[in-house]
Amino acid sequence: MKIYKAIFDSRNFSFEAYGETETLAIEHLKRGLNNHAKQYGIERNWWHDYAGDIYTVEITLGACYRDNAPILGATE
């Protein structure tokens, strides 16, 4: 089974969210970024200028990863 992880690294924090599809992972991440803004009392769209820095990684459950890449042979 595969899932997706969306990642955004800001100057102060590293954010990640997971979803069954790449689109859902990104949607969950963006919702989390908006909630972060609310929690810290900053503008809700603070991250919009950096939206291009969001990236996703496909994850296979049961595999071992190093720096977001699977280690070959680690799924047996």
PDB file of N, CA and C in Angstrom:
ATOM      1  N   MET A   1       0.845  -1.186   0.000  1.00  0.00           N
ATOM      2  CA  MET A   1       0.000   0.000   0.000  1.00  0.00           C
ATOM      3  C   MET A   1       0.885   1.242   0.000  1.00  0.00           C
ATOM      4  N   LYS A   2       0.480   2.237  -0.754  1.00  0.00           N
ATOM      5  CA  LYS A   2       1.230   3.486  -0.833  1.00  0.00           C
ATOM      6  C   LYS A   2       0.420   4.636  -0.232  1.00  0.00           C
ATOM      7  N   ILE A   3       1.132   5.563   0.385  1.00  0.00           N
ATOM      8  CA  ILE A   3       0.562   6.818   0.836  1.00  0.00           C
ATOM      9  C   ILE A   3       1.505   7.923   0.386  1.00  0.00           C
ATOM     10  N   TYR A   4       1.102   9.153   0.606  1.00  0.00           N
ATOM     11  CA  TYR A   4       1.915  10.290   0.198  1.00  0.00           C
ATOM     12  C   TYR A   4       2.153  11.201   1.387  1.00  0.00           C
ATOM     13  N   LYS A   5       3.356  11.774   1.420  1.00  0.00           N
ATOM     14  CA  LYS A   5       3.724  12.744   2.443  1.00  0.00           C
ATOM     15  C   LYS A   5       4.005  14.057   1.742  1.00  0.00           C
ATOM     16  N   ALA A   6       3.316  15.121   2.170  1.00  0.00           N
ATOM     17  CA  ALA A   6       3.585  16.473   1.675  1.00  0.00           C
ATOM     18  C   ALA A   6       4.459  17.167   2.710  1.00  0.00           C
ATOM     19  N   ILE A   7       5.471  17.891   2.239  1.00  0.00           N
ATOM     20  CA  ILE A   7       6.473  18.492   3.124  1.00  0.00           C
ATOM     21  C   ILE A   7       6.669  19.964   2.771  1.00  0.00           C
ATOM     22  N   PHE A   8       6.798  20.773   3.805  1.00  0.00           N
ATOM     23  CA  PHE A   8       7.138  22.189   3.625  1.00  0.00           C
ATOM     24  C   PHE A   8       8.069  22.584   4.760  1.00  0.00           C
ATOM     25  N   ASP A   9       9.243  23.059   4.425  1.00  0.00           N
ATOM     26  CA  ASP A   9      10.210  23.530   5.411  1.00  0.00           C
ATOM     27  C   ASP A   9      10.257  25.045   5.378  1.00  0.00           C
ATOM     28  N   SER A  10       9.884  25.657   6.502  1.00  0.00           N
ATOM     29  CA  SER A  10       9.981  27.117   6.608  1.00  0.00           C
ATOM     30  C   SER A  10      11.268  27.454   7.350  1.00  0.00           C
ATOM     31  N   ARG A  11      11.477  28.713   7.560  1.00  0.00           N
ATOM     32  CA  ARG A  11      12.682  29.157   8.262  1.00  0.00           C
ATOM     33  C   ARG A  11      12.708  28.637   9.706  1.00  0.00           C
ATOM     34  N   ASN A  12      11.525  28.506  10.304  1.00  0.00           N
ATOM     35  CA  ASN A  12      11.460  28.139  11.716  1.00  0.00           C
ATOM     36  C   ASN A  12      10.926  26.738  12.005  1.00  0.00           C
ATOM     37  N   PHE A  13      10.182  26.173  11.067  1.00  0.00           N
ATOM     38  CA  PHE A  13       9.527  24.888  11.314  1.00  0.00           C
ATOM     39  C   PHE A  13       9.603  23.998  10.086  1.00  0.00           C
ATOM     40  N   SER A  14       9.443  22.708  10.320  1.00  0.00           N
ATOM     41  CA  SER A  14       9.279  21.735   9.249  1.00  0.00           C
ATOM     42  C   SER A  14       7.877  21.152   9.401  1.00  0.00           C
ATOM     43  N   PHE A  15       7.087  21.200   8.332  1.00  0.00           N
ATOM     44  CA  PHE A  15       5.713  20.733   8.361  1.00  0.00           C
ATOM     45  C   PHE A  15       5.575  19.520   7.447  1.00  0.00           C
ATOM     46  N   GLU A  16       4.714  18.576   7.834  1.00  0.00           N
ATOM     47  CA  GLU A  16       4.427  17.451   6.961  1.00  0.00           C
ATOM     48  C   GLU A  16       3.009  16.967   7.222  1.00  0.00           C
ATOM     49  N   ALA A  17       2.410  16.413   6.184  1.00  0.00           N
ATOM     50  CA  ALA A  17       1.067  15.852   6.271  1.00  0.00           C
ATOM     51  C   ALA A  17       0.992  14.649   5.342  1.00  0.00           C
ATOM     52  N   TYR A  18       0.082  13.754   5.643  1.00  0.00           N
ATOM     53  CA  TYR A  18      -0.025  12.509   4.899  1.00  0.00           C
ATOM     54  C   TYR A  18      -1.416  12.364   4.298  1.00  0.00           C
ATOM     55  N   GLY A  19      -1.494  11.648   3.180  1.00  0.00           N
ATOM     56  CA  GLY A  19      -2.774  11.388   2.546  1.00  0.00           C
ATOM     57  C   GLY A  19      -2.715  10.169   1.659  1.00  0.00           C
ATOM     58  N   GLU A  20      -3.893   9.650   1.313  1.00  0.00           N
ATOM     59  CA  GLU A  20      -3.981   8.486   0.435  1.00  0.00           C
ATOM     60  C   GLU A  20      -3.600   8.823  -1.001  1.00  0.00           C
ATOM     61  N   THR A  21      -3.696  10.105  -1.347  1.00  0.00           N
ATOM     62  CA  THR A  21      -3.273  10.575  -2.666  1.00  0.00           C
ATOM     63  C   THR A  21      -2.353  11.772  -2.463  1.00  0.00           C
ATOM     64  N   GLU A  22      -1.632  12.110  -3.514  1.00  0.00           N
ATOM     65  CA  GLU A  22      -0.754  13.271  -3.449  1.00  0.00           C
ATOM     66  C   GLU A  22      -1.569  14.541  -3.201  1.00  0.00           C
ATOM     67  N   THR A  23      -2.698  14.648  -3.865  1.00  0.00           N
ATOM     68  CA  THR A  23      -3.567  15.821  -3.716  1.00  0.00           C
ATOM     69  C   THR A  23      -4.063  15.955  -2.283  1.00  0.00           C
ATOM     70  N   LEU A  24      -4.491  14.851  -1.684  1.00  0.00           N
ATOM     71  CA  LEU A  24      -4.975  14.903  -0.299  1.00  0.00           C
ATOM     72  C   LEU A  24      -3.862  15.276   0.671  1.00  0.00           C
ATOM     73  N   ALA A  25      -2.672  14.765   0.455  1.00  0.00           N
ATOM     74  CA  ALA A  25      -1.552  15.113   1.339  1.00  0.00           C
ATOM     75  C   ALA A  25      -1.290  16.618   1.297  1.00  0.00           C
ATOM     76  N   ILE A  26      -1.316  17.184   0.108  1.00  0.00           N
ATOM     77  CA  ILE A  26      -1.083  18.628  -0.042  1.00  0.00           C
ATOM     78  C   ILE A  26      -2.215  19.418   0.601  1.00  0.00           C
ATOM     79  N   GLU A  27      -3.461  18.981   0.407  1.00  0.00           N
ATOM     80  CA  GLU A  27      -4.605  19.665   1.025  1.00  0.00           C
ATOM     81  C   GLU A  27      -4.488  19.646   2.545  1.00  0.00           C
ATOM     82  N   HIS A  28      -4.124  18.489   3.115  1.00  0.00           N
ATOM     83  CA  HIS A  28      -3.962  18.386   4.569  1.00  0.00           C
ATOM     84  C   HIS A  28      -2.844  19.313   5.056  1.00  0.00           C
ATOM     85  N   LEU A  29      -1.771  19.387   4.299  1.00  0.00           N
ATOM     86  CA  LEU A  29      -0.658  20.258   4.672  1.00  0.00           C
ATOM     87  C   LEU A  29      -1.097  21.723   4.654  1.00  0.00           C
ATOM     88  N   LYS A  30      -1.774  22.142   3.608  1.00  0.00           N
ATOM     89  CA  LYS A  30      -2.216  23.538   3.514  1.00  0.00           C
ATOM     90  C   LYS A  30      -3.186  23.885   4.638  1.00  0.00           C
ATOM     91  N   ARG A  31      -4.067  22.957   4.989  1.00  0.00           N
ATOM     92  CA  ARG A  31      -4.982  23.199   6.105  1.00  0.00           C
ATOM     93  C   ARG A  31      -4.181  23.340   7.403  1.00  0.00           C
ATOM     94  N   GLY A  32      -3.169  22.500   7.558  1.00  0.00           N
ATOM     95  CA  GLY A  32      -2.319  22.603   8.742  1.00  0.00           C
ATOM     96  C   GLY A  32      -1.555  23.914   8.805  1.00  0.00           C
ATOM     97  N   LEU A  33      -1.082  24.393   7.650  1.00  0.00           N
ATOM     98  CA  LEU A  33      -0.372  25.676   7.623  1.00  0.00           C
ATOM     99  C   LEU A  33      -1.301  26.815   8.026  1.00  0.00           C
ATOM    100  N   ASN A  34      -2.562  26.755   7.591  1.00  0.00           N
ATOM    101  CA  ASN A  34      -3.539  27.769   7.995  1.00  0.00           C
ATOM    102  C   ASN A  34      -3.818  27.681   9.494  1.00  0.00           C
ATOM    103  N   ASN A  35      -3.904  26.463  10.030  1.00  0.00           N
ATOM    104  CA  ASN A  35      -4.120  26.301  11.475  1.00  0.00           C
ATOM    105  C   ASN A  35      -2.911  26.781  12.272  1.00  0.00           C
ATOM    106  N   HIS A  36      -1.719  26.567  11.742  1.00  0.00           N
ATOM    107  CA  HIS A  36      -0.502  27.075  12.378  1.00  0.00           C
ATOM    108  C   HIS A  36      -0.566  28.598  12.470  1.00  0.00           C
ATOM    109  N   ALA A  37      -1.000  29.231  11.384  1.00  0.00           N
ATOM    110  CA  ALA A  37      -1.114  30.694  11.373  1.00  0.00           C
ATOM    111  C   ALA A  37      -2.088  31.171  12.444  1.00  0.00           C
ATOM    112  N   LYS A  38      -3.205  30.489  12.566  1.00  0.00           N
ATOM    113  CA  LYS A  38      -4.198  30.857  13.582  1.00  0.00           C
ATOM    114  C   LYS A  38      -3.599  30.695  14.980  1.00  0.00           C
ATOM    115  N   GLN A  39      -2.903  29.583  15.216  1.00  0.00           N
ATOM    116  CA  GLN A  39      -2.316  29.318  16.521  1.00  0.00           C
ATOM    117  C   GLN A  39      -1.257  30.359  16.896  1.00  0.00           C
ATOM    118  N   TYR A  40      -0.488  30.826  15.922  1.00  0.00           N
ATOM    119  CA  TYR A  40       0.579  31.784  16.191  1.00  0.00           C
ATOM    120  C   TYR A  40       0.153  33.240  15.988  1.00  0.00           C
ATOM    121  N   GLY A  41      -1.103  33.451  15.596  1.00  0.00           N
ATOM    122  CA  GLY A  41      -1.603  34.812  15.438  1.00  0.00           C
ATOM    123  C   GLY A  41      -0.958  35.566  14.293  1.00  0.00           C
ATOM    124  N   ILE A  42      -0.631  34.847  13.216  1.00  0.00           N
ATOM    125  CA  ILE A  42      -0.034  35.483  12.041  1.00  0.00           C
ATOM    126  C   ILE A  42      -1.018  35.423  10.876  1.00  0.00           C
ATOM    127  N   GLU A  43      -0.697  36.126   9.803  1.00  0.00           N
ATOM    128  CA  GLU A  43      -1.584  36.138   8.645  1.00  0.00           C
ATOM    129  C   GLU A  43      -1.791  34.730   8.118  1.00  0.00           C
ATOM    130  N   ARG A  44      -3.036  34.403   7.804  1.00  0.00           N
ATOM    131  CA  ARG A  44      -3.380  33.062   7.358  1.00  0.00           C
ATOM    132  C   ARG A  44      -2.642  32.666   6.077  1.00  0.00           C
ATOM    133  N   ASN A  45      -2.382  33.611   5.224  1.00  0.00           N
ATOM    134  CA  ASN A  45      -1.748  33.294   3.938  1.00  0.00           C
ATOM    135  C   ASN A  45      -0.234  33.501   3.960  1.00  0.00           C
ATOM    136  N   TRP A  46       0.383  33.462   5.125  1.00  0.00           N
ATOM    137  CA  TRP A  46       1.826  33.698   5.256  1.00  0.00           C
ATOM    138  C   TRP A  46       2.648  32.788   4.353  1.00  0.00           C
ATOM    139  N   TRP A  47       2.182  31.602   4.102  1.00  0.00           N
ATOM    140  CA  TRP A  47       2.945  30.596   3.367  1.00  0.00           C
ATOM    141  C   TRP A  47       2.684  30.616   1.862  1.00  0.00           C
ATOM    142  N   HIS A  48       1.710  31.387   1.389  1.00  0.00           N
ATOM    143  CA  HIS A  48       1.317  31.368  -0.029  1.00  0.00           C
ATOM    144  C   HIS A  48       2.476  31.715  -0.971  1.00  0.00           C
ATOM    145  N   ASP A  49       3.332  32.636  -0.573  1.00  0.00           N
ATOM    146  CA  ASP A  49       4.476  32.986  -1.433  1.00  0.00           C
ATOM    147  C   ASP A  49       5.475  31.841  -1.565  1.00  0.00           C
ATOM    148  N   TYR A  50       5.389  30.868  -0.676  1.00  0.00           N
ATOM    149  CA  TYR A  50       6.323  29.743  -0.669  1.00  0.00           C
ATOM    150  C   TYR A  50       5.660  28.427  -1.057  1.00  0.00           C
ATOM    151  N   ALA A  51       4.433  28.492  -1.562  1.00  0.00           N
ATOM    152  CA  ALA A  51       3.683  27.279  -1.909  1.00  0.00           C
ATOM    153  C   ALA A  51       4.446  26.413  -2.911  1.00  0.00           C
ATOM    154  N   GLY A  52       5.258  27.021  -3.742  1.00  0.00           N
ATOM    155  CA  GLY A  52       6.059  26.266  -4.700  1.00  0.00           C
ATOM    156  C   GLY A  52       7.133  25.418  -4.043  1.00  0.00           C
ATOM    157  N   ASP A  53       7.394  25.662  -2.761  1.00  0.00           N
ATOM    158  CA  ASP A  53       8.392  24.882  -2.029  1.00  0.00           C
ATOM    159  C   ASP A  53       7.801  23.616  -1.400  1.00  0.00           C
ATOM    160  N   ILE A  54       6.477  23.437  -1.518  1.00  0.00           N
ATOM    161  CA  ILE A  54       5.839  22.220  -1.018  1.00  0.00           C
ATOM    162  C   ILE A  54       6.172  21.085  -1.982  1.00  0.00           C
ATOM    163  N   TYR A  55       6.598  19.971  -1.438  1.00  0.00           N
ATOM    164  CA  TYR A  55       6.861  18.815  -2.286  1.00  0.00           C
ATOM    165  C   TYR A  55       6.284  17.567  -1.638  1.00  0.00           C
ATOM    166  N   THR A  56       6.138  16.524  -2.432  1.00  0.00           N
ATOM    167  CA  THR A  56       5.562  15.290  -1.933  1.00  0.00           C
ATOM    168  C   THR A  56       6.514  14.125  -2.155  1.00  0.00           C
ATOM    169  N   VAL A  57       6.331  13.120  -1.324  1.00  0.00           N
ATOM    170  CA  VAL A  57       7.097  11.890  -1.413  1.00  0.00           C
ATOM    171  C   VAL A  57       6.103  10.734  -1.355  1.00  0.00           C
ATOM    172  N   GLU A  58       6.236   9.802  -2.274  1.00  0.00           N
ATOM    173  CA  GLU A  58       5.408   8.599  -2.241  1.00  0.00           C
ATOM    174  C   GLU A  58       6.035   7.611  -1.271  1.00  0.00           C
ATOM    175  N   ILE A  59       5.204   7.074  -0.372  1.00  0.00           N
ATOM    176  CA  ILE A  59       5.696   6.171   0.660  1.00  0.00           C
ATOM    177  C   ILE A  59       5.015   4.808   0.508  1.00  0.00           C
ATOM    178  N   THR A  60       5.808   3.761   0.528  1.00  0.00           N
ATOM    179  CA  THR A  60       5.286   2.406   0.551  1.00  0.00           C
ATOM    180  C   THR A  60       5.328   1.922   1.991  1.00  0.00           C
ATOM    181  N   LEU A  61       4.163   1.556   2.526  1.00  0.00           N
ATOM    182  CA  LEU A  61       4.124   1.073   3.900  1.00  0.00           C
ATOM    183  C   LEU A  61       4.965  -0.192   4.022  1.00  0.00           C
ATOM    184  N   GLY A  62       5.728  -0.277   5.074  1.00  0.00           N
ATOM    185  CA  GLY A  62       6.595  -1.415   5.316  1.00  0.00           C
ATOM    186  C   GLY A  62       8.003  -1.241   4.781  1.00  0.00           C
ATOM    187  N   ALA A  63       8.241  -0.175   4.032  1.00  0.00           N
ATOM    188  CA  ALA A  63       9.578   0.081   3.498  1.00  0.00           C
ATOM    189  C   ALA A  63      10.355   0.964   4.472  1.00  0.00           C
ATOM    190  N   CYS A  64      11.657   0.907   4.383  1.00  0.00           N
ATOM    191  CA  CYS A  64      12.531   1.751   5.194  1.00  0.00           C
ATOM    192  C   CYS A  64      13.090   2.858   4.297  1.00  0.00           C
ATOM    193  N   TYR A  65      13.083   4.093   4.807  1.00  0.00           N
ATOM    194  CA  TYR A  65      13.518   5.245   4.016  1.00  0.00           C
ATOM    195  C   TYR A  65      14.697   5.930   4.673  1.00  0.00           C
ATOM    196  N   ARG A  66      15.552   6.490   3.829  1.00  0.00           N
ATOM    197  CA  ARG A  66      16.667   7.321   4.268  1.00  0.00           C
ATOM    198  C   ARG A  66      16.589   8.601   3.459  1.00  0.00           C
ATOM    199  N   ASP A  67      16.448   9.738   4.123  1.00  0.00           N
ATOM    200  CA  ASP A  67      16.340  11.030   3.443  1.00  0.00           C
ATOM    201  C   ASP A  67      15.257  11.014   2.368  1.00  0.00           C
ATOM    202  N   ASN A  68      14.093  10.483   2.719  1.00  0.00           N
ATOM    203  CA  ASN A  68      12.903  10.420   1.853  1.00  0.00           C
ATOM    204  C   ASN A  68      13.047   9.505   0.640  1.00  0.00           C
ATOM    205  N   ALA A  69      14.053   8.657   0.613  1.00  0.00           N
ATOM    206  CA  ALA A  69      14.222   7.690  -0.478  1.00  0.00           C
ATOM    207  C   ALA A  69      14.290   6.292   0.125  1.00  0.00           C
ATOM    208  N   PRO A  70      13.633   5.329  -0.522  1.00  0.00           N
ATOM    209  CA  PRO A  70      13.660   3.972   0.033  1.00  0.00           C
ATOM    210  C   PRO A  70      15.044   3.361  -0.035  1.00  0.00           C
ATOM    211  N   ILE A  71      15.365   2.593   0.992  1.00  0.00           N
ATOM    212  CA  ILE A  71      16.617   1.830   0.986  1.00  0.00           C
ATOM    213  C   ILE A  71      16.322   0.546   0.235  1.00  0.00           C
ATOM    214  N   LEU A  72      17.049   0.300  -0.824  1.00  0.00           N
ATOM    215  CA  LEU A  72      16.805  -0.869  -1.650  1.00  0.00           C
ATOM    216  C   LEU A  72      16.914  -2.143  -0.837  1.00  0.00           C
ATOM    217  N   GLY A  73      15.965  -3.036  -1.050  1.00  0.00           N
ATOM    218  CA  GLY A  73      15.967  -4.307  -0.336  1.00  0.00           C
ATOM    219  C   GLY A  73      15.389  -4.232   1.057  1.00  0.00           C
ATOM    220  N   ALA A  74      14.947  -3.069   1.491  1.00  0.00           N
ATOM    221  CA  ALA A  74      14.455  -2.909   2.867  1.00  0.00           C
ATOM    222  C   ALA A  74      12.994  -3.288   3.029  1.00  0.00           C
ATOM    223  N   THR A  75      12.312  -3.709   1.955  1.00  0.00           N
ATOM    224  CA  THR A  75      10.897  -4.061   2.075  1.00  0.00           C
ATOM    225  C   THR A  75      10.691  -5.552   2.302  1.00  0.00           C
ATOM    226  N   GLU A  76      11.762  -6.352   2.264  1.00  0.00           N
ATOM    227  CA  GLU A  76      11.599  -7.799   2.500  1.00  0.00           C
ATOM    228  C   GLU A  76      11.574  -8.088   3.979  1.00  0.00           C
TER     229      GLU A  76
END
